[in-house]
Amino acid sequence: MDSRTALPVVKDVRQHLSGAGIYPTSQRRALARILFDRHQHLTADQVYEKARRKNIKVSRATVYNTLNLFVEKGLLREIFVNASHTFYDSNIHPHFHFYNVDDGSLTDMEGHVTDDLVMQNLPQGTVLDGVDVVVRVRNNA
């Protein structure tokens, strides 16, 4: 992981949510603990399954609504890989991804690609708002 883009582990989810203008309900706090305990890329179904394994009482609709709220408030990045795969990335800083079509994994591309490729070529009078690049790879057979 690029040390410039790695996020620290969120120690106080109540403060993290409140700081983003989100009312920290118990379900939101529980889902935030799953999402922000380390840097990771999770689908909504993976978040739901992790919540179930931790005996967190939450519906799929609540998971989706919470993920959408966290994206809207800037706590997560939504990464569209294809029509059936959307990942939620706890690293909100600009960076690129590799998506392995064979095993369905999403990993960060190491290095300073955003600086080298994007930042030096921004049109005059603009600022970077986001980067959504997914490089699709396959396992070497």
N, C-alpha and C. Protein backbone atom coordinates (compact mmCIF):
# COMPACT_ATOMS: atom_id res chain seq x y z
N MET A 1 0.85 -1.18 0.00
CA MET A 1 0.00 0.00 0.00
C MET A 1 0.89 1.23 0.00
N ASP A 2 0.56 2.17 -0.82
CA ASP A 2 1.26 3.44 -0.88
C ASP A 2 1.02 4.18 0.43
N SER A 3 2.09 4.54 1.13
CA SER A 3 1.95 5.16 2.44
C SER A 3 1.24 6.51 2.37
N ARG A 4 1.25 7.16 1.21
CA ARG A 4 0.57 8.44 1.09
C ARG A 4 -0.93 8.28 1.00
N THR A 5 -1.42 7.11 0.60
CA THR A 5 -2.85 6.91 0.45
C THR A 5 -3.45 6.00 1.51
N ALA A 6 -2.61 5.36 2.31
CA ALA A 6 -3.13 4.45 3.33
C ALA A 6 -3.86 5.24 4.41
N LEU A 7 -5.00 4.76 4.79
CA LEU A 7 -5.77 5.42 5.82
C LEU A 7 -5.47 4.80 7.18
N PRO A 8 -5.43 5.62 8.21
CA PRO A 8 -5.29 5.05 9.54
C PRO A 8 -6.57 4.32 9.92
N VAL A 9 -6.45 3.40 10.81
CA VAL A 9 -7.63 2.70 11.33
C VAL A 9 -8.46 3.72 12.11
N VAL A 10 -9.77 3.69 11.92
CA VAL A 10 -10.66 4.59 12.64
C VAL A 10 -10.86 4.05 14.04
N LYS A 11 -10.43 4.79 15.03
CA LYS A 11 -10.54 4.36 16.43
C LYS A 11 -11.91 4.67 17.03
N ASP A 12 -12.46 5.82 16.69
CA ASP A 12 -13.73 6.27 17.27
C ASP A 12 -14.75 6.46 16.16
N VAL A 13 -15.55 5.41 15.87
CA VAL A 13 -16.49 5.49 14.76
C VAL A 13 -17.58 6.52 15.01
N ARG A 14 -17.97 6.70 16.25
CA ARG A 14 -18.99 7.72 16.56
C ARG A 14 -18.50 9.10 16.13
N GLN A 15 -17.28 9.43 16.48
CA GLN A 15 -16.71 10.72 16.11
C GLN A 15 -16.50 10.81 14.59
N HIS A 16 -16.06 9.71 13.97
CA HIS A 16 -15.83 9.67 12.53
C HIS A 16 -17.14 9.96 11.78
N LEU A 17 -18.22 9.33 12.21
CA LEU A 17 -19.51 9.53 11.57
C LEU A 17 -20.05 10.93 11.85
N SER A 18 -20.01 11.34 13.10
CA SER A 18 -20.50 12.68 13.46
C SER A 18 -19.74 13.77 12.72
N GLY A 19 -18.43 13.58 12.58
CA GLY A 19 -17.60 14.55 11.88
C GLY A 19 -17.97 14.71 10.42
N ALA A 20 -18.61 13.67 9.85
CA ALA A 20 -19.05 13.73 8.46
C ALA A 20 -20.52 14.16 8.35
N GLY A 21 -21.12 14.52 9.50
CA GLY A 21 -22.51 14.94 9.48
C GLY A 21 -23.50 13.78 9.45
N ILE A 22 -23.08 12.62 9.93
CA ILE A 22 -23.93 11.43 9.94
C ILE A 22 -24.34 11.14 11.38
N TYR A 23 -25.64 10.99 11.62
CA TYR A 23 -26.11 10.61 12.94
C TYR A 23 -25.66 9.18 13.22
N PRO A 24 -24.89 8.96 14.29
CA PRO A 24 -24.27 7.64 14.53
C PRO A 24 -25.20 6.65 15.23
N THR A 25 -26.17 6.11 14.49
CA THR A 25 -27.05 5.09 15.07
C THR A 25 -26.22 3.85 15.40
N SER A 26 -26.77 2.96 16.18
CA SER A 26 -26.03 1.75 16.55
C SER A 26 -25.71 0.90 15.32
N GLN A 27 -26.64 0.81 14.37
CA GLN A 27 -26.39 0.03 13.16
C GLN A 27 -25.30 0.67 12.31
N ARG A 28 -25.33 1.97 12.17
CA ARG A 28 -24.29 2.66 11.39
C ARG A 28 -22.93 2.51 12.05
N ARG A 29 -22.89 2.60 13.37
CA ARG A 29 -21.61 2.41 14.08
C ARG A 29 -21.09 0.99 13.87
N ALA A 30 -21.98 0.00 13.96
CA ALA A 30 -21.57 -1.39 13.78
C ALA A 30 -21.03 -1.62 12.37
N LEU A 31 -21.70 -1.08 11.37
CA LEU A 31 -21.22 -1.23 9.99
C LEU A 31 -19.93 -0.45 9.78
N ALA A 32 -19.81 0.70 10.41
CA ALA A 32 -18.58 1.49 10.29
C ALA A 32 -17.39 0.73 10.88
N ARG A 33 -17.61 0.02 11.98
CA ARG A 33 -16.52 -0.77 12.57
C ARG A 33 -16.03 -1.84 11.58
N ILE A 34 -16.95 -2.43 10.83
CA ILE A 34 -16.57 -3.41 9.82
C ILE A 34 -15.79 -2.74 8.70
N LEU A 35 -16.30 -1.62 8.22
CA LEU A 35 -15.72 -0.96 7.05
C LEU A 35 -14.39 -0.27 7.32
N PHE A 36 -14.24 0.31 8.50
CA PHE A 36 -13.09 1.18 8.75
C PHE A 36 -12.06 0.60 9.71
N ASP A 37 -12.16 -0.70 10.01
CA ASP A 37 -11.16 -1.29 10.92
C ASP A 37 -9.83 -1.49 10.21
N ARG A 38 -9.83 -1.53 8.88
CA ARG A 38 -8.61 -1.61 8.08
C ARG A 38 -8.95 -1.20 6.66
N HIS A 39 -7.93 -0.96 5.84
CA HIS A 39 -8.19 -0.63 4.44
C HIS A 39 -8.66 -1.90 3.73
N GLN A 40 -9.78 -1.78 3.00
CA GLN A 40 -10.32 -2.94 2.32
C GLN A 40 -11.30 -2.52 1.24
N HIS A 41 -11.56 -3.45 0.34
CA HIS A 41 -12.55 -3.29 -0.72
C HIS A 41 -13.62 -4.34 -0.48
N LEU A 42 -14.83 -3.91 -0.20
CA LEU A 42 -15.91 -4.85 0.09
C LEU A 42 -17.13 -4.55 -0.77
N THR A 43 -17.84 -5.60 -1.16
CA THR A 43 -19.13 -5.42 -1.80
C THR A 43 -20.19 -5.28 -0.71
N ALA A 44 -21.37 -4.85 -1.08
CA ALA A 44 -22.46 -4.74 -0.11
C ALA A 44 -22.78 -6.11 0.49
N ASP A 45 -22.77 -7.15 -0.34
CA ASP A 45 -23.03 -8.50 0.16
C ASP A 45 -21.97 -8.94 1.16
N GLN A 46 -20.72 -8.59 0.92
CA GLN A 46 -19.65 -8.94 1.86
C GLN A 46 -19.83 -8.21 3.19
N VAL A 47 -20.24 -6.95 3.14
CA VAL A 47 -20.49 -6.20 4.37
C VAL A 47 -21.64 -6.86 5.13
N TYR A 48 -22.70 -7.21 4.41
CA TYR A 48 -23.85 -7.86 5.04
C TYR A 48 -23.44 -9.18 5.70
N GLU A 49 -22.65 -9.99 5.00
CA GLU A 49 -22.22 -11.28 5.55
C GLU A 49 -21.31 -11.10 6.77
N LYS A 50 -20.41 -10.12 6.72
CA LYS A 50 -19.55 -9.85 7.88
C LYS A 50 -20.41 -9.43 9.07
N ALA A 51 -21.43 -8.62 8.82
CA ALA A 51 -22.33 -8.18 9.89
C ALA A 51 -23.06 -9.38 10.49
N ARG A 52 -23.56 -10.27 9.65
CA ARG A 52 -24.26 -11.46 10.14
C ARG A 52 -23.34 -12.33 10.99
N ARG A 53 -22.08 -12.51 10.54
CA ARG A 53 -21.13 -13.32 11.30
C ARG A 53 -20.82 -12.71 12.66
N LYS A 54 -20.95 -11.39 12.76
CA LYS A 54 -20.70 -10.70 14.03
C LYS A 54 -21.99 -10.53 14.83
N ASN A 55 -23.06 -11.21 14.39
CA ASN A 55 -24.37 -11.15 15.05
C ASN A 55 -24.93 -9.74 15.12
N ILE A 56 -24.66 -8.95 14.11
CA ILE A 56 -25.23 -7.61 14.01
C ILE A 56 -26.57 -7.74 13.29
N LYS A 57 -27.62 -7.29 13.94
CA LYS A 57 -28.97 -7.36 13.36
C LYS A 57 -29.15 -6.19 12.41
N VAL A 58 -29.08 -6.48 11.10
CA VAL A 58 -29.19 -5.44 10.10
C VAL A 58 -29.76 -6.06 8.82
N SER A 59 -30.60 -5.33 8.13
CA SER A 59 -31.17 -5.82 6.87
C SER A 59 -30.25 -5.45 5.71
N ARG A 60 -30.43 -6.13 4.59
CA ARG A 60 -29.67 -5.77 3.39
C ARG A 60 -29.96 -4.32 2.99
N ALA A 61 -31.22 -3.92 3.12
CA ALA A 61 -31.59 -2.54 2.76
C ALA A 61 -30.83 -1.54 3.62
N THR A 62 -30.68 -1.83 4.90
CA THR A 62 -29.92 -0.94 5.79
C THR A 62 -28.46 -0.89 5.38
N VAL A 63 -27.90 -2.03 5.00
CA VAL A 63 -26.50 -2.06 4.54
C VAL A 63 -26.36 -1.17 3.32
N TYR A 64 -27.22 -1.36 2.31
CA TYR A 64 -27.15 -0.55 1.09
C TYR A 64 -27.35 0.93 1.39
N ASN A 65 -28.34 1.25 2.22
CA ASN A 65 -28.59 2.65 2.56
C ASN A 65 -27.41 3.27 3.29
N THR A 66 -26.81 2.52 4.19
CA THR A 66 -25.66 3.01 4.95
C THR A 66 -24.45 3.21 4.04
N LEU A 67 -24.20 2.24 3.16
CA LEU A 67 -23.09 2.39 2.22
C LEU A 67 -23.29 3.62 1.34
N ASN A 68 -24.50 3.81 0.83
CA ASN A 68 -24.78 4.99 0.00
C ASN A 68 -24.59 6.29 0.77
N LEU A 69 -25.00 6.30 2.02
CA LEU A 69 -24.82 7.49 2.87
C LEU A 69 -23.33 7.76 3.09
N PHE A 70 -22.56 6.73 3.39
CA PHE A 70 -21.12 6.90 3.62
C PHE A 70 -20.43 7.41 2.36
N VAL A 71 -20.86 6.93 1.19
CA VAL A 71 -20.30 7.43 -0.07
C VAL A 71 -20.68 8.90 -0.26
N GLU A 72 -21.96 9.22 -0.05
CA GLU A 72 -22.45 10.59 -0.22
C GLU A 72 -21.71 11.57 0.69
N LYS A 73 -21.36 11.12 1.89
CA LYS A 73 -20.69 11.99 2.86
C LYS A 73 -19.17 11.94 2.73
N GLY A 74 -18.66 11.17 1.78
CA GLY A 74 -17.23 11.15 1.51
C GLY A 74 -16.39 10.22 2.38
N LEU A 75 -17.02 9.28 3.06
CA LEU A 75 -16.28 8.34 3.91
C LEU A 75 -15.83 7.09 3.17
N LEU A 76 -16.49 6.79 2.05
CA LEU A 76 -16.16 5.63 1.22
C LEU A 76 -16.13 6.06 -0.23
N ARG A 77 -15.37 5.31 -1.04
CA ARG A 77 -15.43 5.46 -2.49
C ARG A 77 -16.19 4.27 -3.05
N GLU A 78 -17.05 4.54 -4.02
CA GLU A 78 -17.78 3.50 -4.70
C GLU A 78 -17.03 3.19 -6.00
N ILE A 79 -16.64 1.94 -6.18
CA ILE A 79 -15.88 1.52 -7.34
C ILE A 79 -16.75 0.58 -8.17
N PHE A 80 -17.18 1.04 -9.35
CA PHE A 80 -17.98 0.22 -10.25
C PHE A 80 -17.03 -0.60 -11.11
N VAL A 81 -17.09 -1.92 -10.97
CA VAL A 81 -16.22 -2.80 -11.74
C VAL A 81 -16.96 -3.30 -12.98
N ASN A 82 -18.20 -3.68 -12.80
CA ASN A 82 -19.06 -4.07 -13.92
C ASN A 82 -20.50 -4.00 -13.42
N ALA A 83 -21.43 -4.39 -14.26
CA ALA A 83 -22.85 -4.24 -13.92
C ALA A 83 -23.26 -4.99 -12.65
N SER A 84 -22.52 -6.05 -12.30
CA SER A 84 -22.90 -6.84 -11.13
C SER A 84 -21.93 -6.71 -9.97
N HIS A 85 -20.87 -5.92 -10.11
CA HIS A 85 -19.89 -5.80 -9.03
C HIS A 85 -19.57 -4.33 -8.74
N THR A 86 -19.99 -3.91 -7.56
CA THR A 86 -19.62 -2.60 -7.04
C THR A 86 -18.92 -2.83 -5.71
N PHE A 87 -17.76 -2.24 -5.58
CA PHE A 87 -16.99 -2.34 -4.34
C PHE A 87 -17.06 -1.01 -3.60
N TYR A 88 -16.90 -1.09 -2.28
CA TYR A 88 -16.82 0.10 -1.44
C TYR A 88 -15.42 0.11 -0.84
N ASP A 89 -14.70 1.18 -1.12
CA ASP A 89 -13.29 1.31 -0.78
C ASP A 89 -13.14 2.27 0.39
N SER A 90 -12.50 1.80 1.45
CA SER A 90 -12.29 2.65 2.62
C SER A 90 -11.15 3.65 2.42
N ASN A 91 -10.41 3.53 1.34
CA ASN A 91 -9.36 4.49 0.99
C ASN A 91 -9.97 5.49 0.02
N ILE A 92 -10.25 6.69 0.50
CA ILE A 92 -10.95 7.69 -0.32
C ILE A 92 -10.01 8.57 -1.13
N HIS A 93 -8.70 8.38 -0.97
CA HIS A 93 -7.74 9.16 -1.72
C HIS A 93 -7.65 8.65 -3.16
N PRO A 94 -7.31 9.53 -4.12
CA PRO A 94 -7.24 9.08 -5.52
C PRO A 94 -6.20 7.98 -5.73
N HIS A 95 -6.64 6.90 -6.33
CA HIS A 95 -5.74 5.80 -6.68
C HIS A 95 -6.45 4.89 -7.67
N PHE A 96 -5.67 4.04 -8.35
CA PHE A 96 -6.21 3.13 -9.35
C PHE A 96 -6.30 1.72 -8.76
N HIS A 97 -7.00 0.85 -9.48
CA HIS A 97 -7.24 -0.51 -9.00
C HIS A 97 -6.97 -1.56 -10.07
N PHE A 98 -6.64 -2.76 -9.62
CA PHE A 98 -6.63 -3.96 -10.44
C PHE A 98 -7.84 -4.79 -10.03
N TYR A 99 -8.59 -5.26 -11.01
CA TYR A 99 -9.70 -6.18 -10.75
C TYR A 99 -9.39 -7.50 -11.44
N ASN A 100 -9.31 -8.57 -10.65
CA ASN A 100 -9.03 -9.89 -11.20
C ASN A 100 -10.36 -10.53 -11.59
N VAL A 101 -10.59 -10.68 -12.89
CA VAL A 101 -11.86 -11.22 -13.37
C VAL A 101 -12.03 -12.70 -13.04
N ASP A 102 -10.94 -13.38 -12.76
CA ASP A 102 -11.03 -14.81 -12.42
C ASP A 102 -11.47 -15.04 -10.98
N ASP A 103 -10.94 -14.26 -10.04
CA ASP A 103 -11.30 -14.51 -8.65
C ASP A 103 -12.15 -13.39 -8.02
N GLY A 104 -12.42 -12.33 -8.79
CA GLY A 104 -13.29 -11.26 -8.30
C GLY A 104 -12.66 -10.34 -7.28
N SER A 105 -11.33 -10.36 -7.15
CA SER A 105 -10.68 -9.51 -6.15
C SER A 105 -10.34 -8.14 -6.73
N LEU A 106 -10.40 -7.14 -5.90
CA LEU A 106 -10.03 -5.77 -6.24
C LEU A 106 -8.86 -5.37 -5.35
N THR A 107 -7.77 -4.93 -5.95
CA THR A 107 -6.60 -4.52 -5.18
C THR A 107 -6.12 -3.17 -5.68
N ASP A 108 -5.45 -2.45 -4.81
CA ASP A 108 -4.91 -1.14 -5.18
C ASP A 108 -3.70 -1.30 -6.07
N MET A 109 -3.57 -0.39 -7.02
CA MET A 109 -2.38 -0.31 -7.84
C MET A 109 -1.35 0.49 -7.05
N GLU A 110 -0.19 -0.07 -6.86
CA GLU A 110 0.86 0.60 -6.09
C GLU A 110 1.49 1.73 -6.89
N GLY A 111 2.09 2.65 -6.18
CA GLY A 111 2.82 3.72 -6.83
C GLY A 111 2.06 5.03 -6.85
N HIS A 112 2.58 5.94 -7.60
CA HIS A 112 2.06 7.31 -7.64
C HIS A 112 1.45 7.60 -9.00
N VAL A 113 0.66 6.67 -9.49
CA VAL A 113 0.08 6.79 -10.82
C VAL A 113 -0.75 8.06 -10.93
N THR A 114 -1.49 8.39 -9.89
CA THR A 114 -2.34 9.57 -9.97
C THR A 114 -1.50 10.83 -10.13
N ASP A 115 -0.38 10.92 -9.44
CA ASP A 115 0.49 12.09 -9.59
C ASP A 115 1.07 12.16 -10.99
N ASP A 116 1.62 11.04 -11.44
CA ASP A 116 2.32 11.02 -12.71
C ASP A 116 1.38 11.20 -13.90
N LEU A 117 0.27 10.52 -13.88
CA LEU A 117 -0.60 10.50 -15.03
C LEU A 117 -1.69 11.57 -14.97
N VAL A 118 -2.29 11.74 -13.84
CA VAL A 118 -3.45 12.62 -13.74
C VAL A 118 -3.08 14.04 -13.32
N MET A 119 -2.40 14.18 -12.22
CA MET A 119 -2.17 15.50 -11.66
C MET A 119 -1.40 16.42 -12.61
N GLN A 120 -0.45 15.87 -13.34
CA GLN A 120 0.35 16.70 -14.25
C GLN A 120 -0.41 17.06 -15.52
N ASN A 121 -1.56 16.44 -15.76
CA ASN A 121 -2.29 16.67 -17.00
C ASN A 121 -3.69 17.23 -16.80
N LEU A 122 -3.97 17.74 -15.59
CA LEU A 122 -5.29 18.33 -15.36
C LEU A 122 -5.47 19.56 -16.24
N PRO A 123 -6.64 19.73 -16.83
CA PRO A 123 -6.89 20.94 -17.61
C PRO A 123 -6.76 22.18 -16.71
N GLN A 124 -6.25 23.23 -17.30
CA GLN A 124 -6.04 24.48 -16.54
C GLN A 124 -7.36 24.93 -15.91
N GLY A 125 -7.28 25.38 -14.69
CA GLY A 125 -8.45 25.88 -13.98
C GLY A 125 -9.31 24.80 -13.35
N THR A 126 -8.81 23.56 -13.27
CA THR A 126 -9.57 22.48 -12.66
C THR A 126 -8.80 21.89 -11.49
N VAL A 127 -9.51 21.18 -10.64
CA VAL A 127 -8.90 20.43 -9.54
C VAL A 127 -9.41 19.00 -9.61
N LEU A 128 -8.65 18.10 -9.08
CA LEU A 128 -9.03 16.69 -9.08
C LEU A 128 -10.20 16.46 -8.14
N ASP A 129 -11.25 15.86 -8.65
CA ASP A 129 -12.42 15.53 -7.84
C ASP A 129 -12.47 14.04 -7.53
N GLY A 130 -11.89 13.21 -8.38
CA GLY A 130 -11.88 11.78 -8.16
C GLY A 130 -11.20 11.06 -9.30
N VAL A 131 -10.79 9.84 -9.03
CA VAL A 131 -10.16 9.00 -10.04
C VAL A 131 -10.83 7.63 -9.97
N ASP A 132 -11.33 7.16 -11.09
CA ASP A 132 -11.97 5.85 -11.15
C ASP A 132 -11.39 5.08 -12.33
N VAL A 133 -10.28 4.41 -12.09
CA VAL A 133 -9.66 3.58 -13.11
C VAL A 133 -9.53 2.17 -12.56
N VAL A 134 -10.08 1.22 -13.29
CA VAL A 134 -9.98 -0.18 -12.91
C VAL A 134 -9.32 -0.92 -14.08
N VAL A 135 -8.20 -1.54 -13.80
CA VAL A 135 -7.49 -2.33 -14.80
C VAL A 135 -7.90 -3.78 -14.59
N ARG A 136 -8.48 -4.40 -15.60
CA ARG A 136 -8.93 -5.78 -15.48
C ARG A 136 -7.80 -6.73 -15.86
N VAL A 137 -7.57 -7.74 -15.02
CA VAL A 137 -6.52 -8.73 -15.26
C VAL A 137 -7.12 -10.12 -15.10
N ARG A 138 -6.40 -11.12 -15.63
CA ARG A 138 -6.77 -12.53 -15.47
C ARG A 138 -5.58 -13.27 -14.90
N ASN A 139 -5.85 -14.39 -14.23
CA ASN A 139 -4.78 -15.25 -13.75
C ASN A 139 -4.03 -15.83 -14.94
N ASN A 140 -2.74 -15.95 -14.81
CA ASN A 140 -1.91 -16.54 -15.85
C ASN A 140 -2.12 -18.05 -15.83
N ALA A 141 -2.69 -18.56 -16.91
CA ALA A 141 -3.06 -19.99 -16.95
C ALA A 141 -1.89 -20.90 -17.04
